[in-house]
Amino acid sequence: MKNLSNLEKKINSELTVKIKSSKLNHNQIYLNIENEHLLEVILFLKNNNEIKFKQLIDITAVDYPENERRFKIVYLLLSHEFNSRIIISFYINENEIVTSLTSVFPSANWMEREVFDMYGIKFKDHPDLRRILTDYNFEGHPLRKDFPLTGHNEVRYSEDKKKVIYEPVKLEQNYRNFDYESPWEGTEYIKKEAKKNE
């Protein structure tokens, strides 16, 4: 189905009550659904021979701490055959659990682990839900808007002690003298050399 408008109509007619809203924007289809319909919608989009969204591009989340339903979960799918993308999203509460897509798209494994690590969102039936970007003893979830920016430990390898060590994060930065001269005119020593040669 090459026409996006027809594709949107087809999806809406097949998934009637499972889709809250849909729209076309920037040559992409945006679907808004509810959490409990995720697996059915994804299976339809992947397995329907007229649609063929066979590749999961990404899974991510957006944090809205002021909202009752704090997180927006976003799935991006690609149809190679029709060169079209679809973006599926829904909102969840802070402690709500999302169905894992690892049984449908094995690549969802690492993407869901990243969302879990960065936002603290849990996925039901995930085969190995553990941190992927932060350290094992790390506390908190760095992409949440209420995550503190100071007061944490960093992990690094110490050449002196020949082992991995934990130490408080140091974000100090020395003042530097910046050269605001135009790069087209050259720096001071180049100007001096040019004057000598004249």
Protein backbone atom coordinates (compact mmCIF):
# COMPACT_ATOMS: atom_id res chain seq x y z
CA MET A 1 0.00 0.00 0.00
CA LYS A 2 1.90 3.03 -1.20
CA ASN A 3 -0.62 5.74 -0.39
CA LEU A 4 -0.26 6.68 3.30
CA SER A 5 -3.80 7.96 3.52
CA ASN A 6 -5.15 4.59 2.31
CA LEU A 7 -2.79 2.80 4.67
CA GLU A 8 -4.07 4.83 7.62
CA LYS A 9 -7.69 4.04 6.64
CA LYS A 10 -6.88 0.34 6.33
CA ILE A 11 -5.26 0.25 9.80
CA ASN A 12 -8.18 2.14 11.34
CA SER A 13 -10.78 -0.10 9.72
CA GLU A 14 -9.05 -3.30 10.87
CA LEU A 15 -8.16 -2.18 14.40
CA THR A 16 -11.26 -0.02 15.02
CA VAL A 17 -11.57 0.07 18.85
CA LYS A 18 -7.89 -0.53 19.54
CA ILE A 19 -6.85 2.84 18.08
CA LYS A 20 -7.70 5.99 20.03
CA SER A 21 -6.53 8.35 17.30
CA SER A 22 -4.41 8.46 14.15
CA LYS A 23 -2.94 11.18 11.98
CA LEU A 24 -0.58 11.73 9.08
CA ASN A 25 2.33 14.07 9.71
CA HIS A 26 5.71 14.45 7.95
CA ASN A 27 4.91 11.48 5.67
CA GLN A 28 4.48 9.20 8.67
CA ILE A 29 1.50 7.63 10.38
CA TYR A 30 1.04 8.35 14.08
CA LEU A 31 -1.15 5.98 16.10
CA ASN A 32 -2.27 6.59 19.65
CA ILE A 33 -3.39 3.43 21.46
CA GLU A 34 -3.81 2.07 25.00
CA ASN A 35 -1.17 -0.03 26.75
CA GLU A 36 -3.32 -3.19 26.84
CA HIS A 37 -3.69 -3.23 23.02
CA LEU A 38 0.03 -2.98 22.25
CA LEU A 39 0.71 -6.62 21.38
CA GLU A 40 -2.37 -7.01 19.17
CA VAL A 41 -1.61 -3.79 17.26
CA ILE A 42 2.06 -4.70 16.75
CA LEU A 43 1.22 -8.23 15.56
CA PHE A 44 -1.32 -6.88 13.08
CA LEU A 45 1.14 -4.30 11.69
CA LYS A 46 3.91 -6.87 11.35
CA ASN A 47 1.95 -9.84 9.97
CA ASN A 48 -0.62 -8.21 7.69
CA ASN A 49 0.48 -8.78 4.06
CA GLU A 50 -0.89 -5.45 2.86
CA ILE A 51 0.97 -3.42 5.49
CA LYS A 52 4.26 -5.23 6.31
CA PHE A 53 5.83 -3.18 9.10
CA LYS A 54 8.44 -5.86 9.66
CA GLN A 55 11.23 -3.93 11.38
CA LEU A 56 11.26 -2.39 14.83
CA ILE A 57 13.44 0.72 14.62
CA ASP A 58 13.31 1.99 18.19
CA ILE A 59 11.52 2.02 21.52
CA THR A 60 11.78 5.08 23.69
CA ALA A 61 9.92 7.04 26.35
CA VAL A 62 9.19 10.64 27.29
CA ASP A 63 8.82 11.80 30.88
CA TYR A 64 6.02 14.20 31.82
CA PRO A 65 6.30 14.32 35.65
CA GLU A 66 3.45 16.83 35.96
CA ASN A 67 0.94 14.45 34.28
CA GLU A 68 -1.04 11.76 36.07
CA ARG A 69 0.04 9.33 33.36
CA ARG A 70 3.69 10.24 33.61
CA PHE A 71 5.36 8.38 30.73
CA LYS A 72 4.68 8.30 27.02
CA ILE A 73 6.02 5.12 25.39
CA VAL A 74 6.91 5.41 21.69
CA TYR A 75 7.49 2.59 19.16
CA LEU A 76 8.87 3.23 15.67
CA LEU A 77 8.26 0.61 12.95
CA LEU A 78 9.47 0.51 9.36
CA SER A 79 8.03 -1.13 6.25
CA HIS A 80 10.94 -1.75 3.86
CA GLU A 81 8.64 -2.84 1.08
CA PHE A 82 6.61 0.38 1.08
CA ASN A 83 9.32 2.65 2.51
CA SER A 84 6.99 3.96 5.19
CA ARG A 85 7.20 4.48 8.94
CA ILE A 86 4.63 4.26 11.67
CA ILE A 87 4.90 5.69 15.17
CA ILE A 88 2.81 4.08 17.91
CA SER A 89 2.49 5.73 21.31
CA PHE A 90 0.55 5.51 24.55
CA TYR A 91 0.69 6.93 28.07
CA ILE A 92 1.26 4.94 31.26
CA ASN A 93 1.34 5.61 34.99
CA GLU A 94 4.63 5.56 36.88
CA ASN A 95 4.27 1.97 38.16
CA GLU A 96 2.39 0.51 35.20
CA ILE A 97 3.99 -2.47 33.44
CA VAL A 98 4.25 -2.66 29.63
CA THR A 99 4.09 -5.90 27.62
CA SER A 100 7.48 -6.90 26.22
CA LEU A 101 7.80 -7.25 22.44
CA THR A 102 10.81 -9.61 22.56
CA SER A 103 8.64 -12.53 21.37
CA VAL A 104 7.62 -10.53 18.25
CA PHE A 105 10.83 -8.54 17.64
CA PRO A 106 13.94 -10.06 19.29
CA SER A 107 15.71 -6.70 18.82
CA ALA A 108 13.31 -5.24 21.42
CA ASN A 109 15.40 -6.92 24.11
CA TRP A 110 18.10 -4.24 24.31
CA MET A 111 15.73 -1.37 23.56
CA GLU A 112 13.45 -2.34 26.44
CA ARG A 113 16.45 -2.75 28.74
CA GLU A 114 17.55 0.78 27.83
CA VAL A 115 14.08 2.21 28.58
CA PHE A 116 14.07 0.29 31.89
CA ASP A 117 17.53 1.60 32.81
CA MET A 118 16.95 5.24 31.82
CA TYR A 119 13.29 5.64 32.94
CA GLY A 120 12.54 2.74 35.32
CA ILE A 121 9.69 1.40 33.16
CA LYS A 122 9.22 -2.36 33.58
CA PHE A 123 8.33 -4.81 30.81
CA LYS A 124 6.25 -7.93 31.45
CA ASP A 125 7.72 -11.25 30.18
CA HIS A 126 11.09 -9.71 29.28
CA PRO A 127 13.76 -12.47 29.31
CA ASP A 128 16.54 -10.41 30.95
CA LEU A 129 15.36 -7.07 32.35
CA ARG A 130 18.43 -5.49 33.95
CA ARG A 131 20.44 -2.32 33.55
CA ILE A 132 22.32 -1.89 30.29
CA LEU A 133 23.88 1.61 30.29
CA THR A 134 24.51 2.33 33.98
CA ASP A 135 26.44 0.40 36.63
CA TYR A 136 24.81 -2.44 38.62
CA ASN A 137 24.70 -0.44 41.88
CA PHE A 138 23.50 2.76 40.20
CA GLU A 139 20.55 4.38 41.94
CA GLY A 140 17.82 6.19 40.04
CA HIS A 141 16.99 6.60 36.37
CA PRO A 142 18.98 9.33 34.56
CA LEU A 143 16.42 10.41 31.93
CA ARG A 144 13.65 11.12 34.41
CA LYS A 145 13.10 14.86 34.78
CA ASP A 146 13.39 14.65 38.58
CA PHE A 147 16.78 12.89 38.52
CA PRO A 148 19.33 14.88 40.61
CA LEU A 149 22.40 16.11 38.75
CA THR A 150 24.81 15.99 41.70
CA GLY A 151 25.59 13.74 44.63
CA HIS A 152 26.30 10.50 42.78
CA ASN A 153 29.34 8.29 42.50
CA GLU A 154 31.22 7.56 39.32
CA VAL A 155 32.92 4.32 38.43
CA ARG A 156 36.33 4.37 36.80
CA TYR A 157 39.44 2.27 36.45
CA SER A 158 42.35 3.55 38.55
CA GLU A 159 45.79 2.99 37.03
CA ASP A 160 47.41 3.60 40.44
CA LYS A 161 45.31 1.01 42.30
CA LYS A 162 44.91 -1.31 39.28
CA LYS A 163 41.21 -1.82 39.95
CA VAL A 164 37.78 -0.31 39.39
CA ILE A 165 36.98 2.34 42.01
CA TYR A 166 33.92 4.37 43.06
CA GLU A 167 34.33 8.06 43.86
CA PRO A 168 32.06 11.11 44.08
CA VAL A 169 31.33 12.78 40.76
CA LYS A 170 33.51 15.85 40.22
CA LEU A 171 32.07 18.25 37.68
CA GLU A 172 34.49 21.08 38.30
CA GLN A 173 35.81 22.97 35.31
CA ASN A 174 38.69 25.40 35.40
CA TYR A 175 38.28 28.81 33.88
CA ARG A 176 39.97 29.08 30.54
CA ASN A 177 41.28 31.96 28.52
CA PHE A 178 39.49 31.93 25.22
CA ASP A 179 40.81 33.59 22.10
CA TYR A 180 37.93 35.50 20.52
CA GLU A 181 39.94 36.53 17.46
CA SER A 182 38.47 35.72 14.09
CA PRO A 183 39.90 32.45 12.76
CA TRP A 184 40.03 34.05 9.31
CA GLU A 185 42.48 36.69 10.51
CA GLY A 186 44.64 34.15 12.30
CA THR A 187 45.84 33.93 15.88
CA GLU A 188 48.20 36.45 17.50
CA TYR A 189 51.44 34.57 16.76
CA ILE A 190 50.49 34.21 13.08
CA LYS A 191 49.82 37.96 12.88
CA LYS A 192 53.26 38.68 14.41
CA GLU A 193 54.95 36.35 11.92
CA ALA A 194 53.12 38.01 9.04
CA LYS A 195 54.26 41.49 10.20
CA LYS A 196 57.89 40.28 10.45
CA ASN A 197 57.79 38.97 6.89
CA GLU A 198 56.40 42.24 5.49
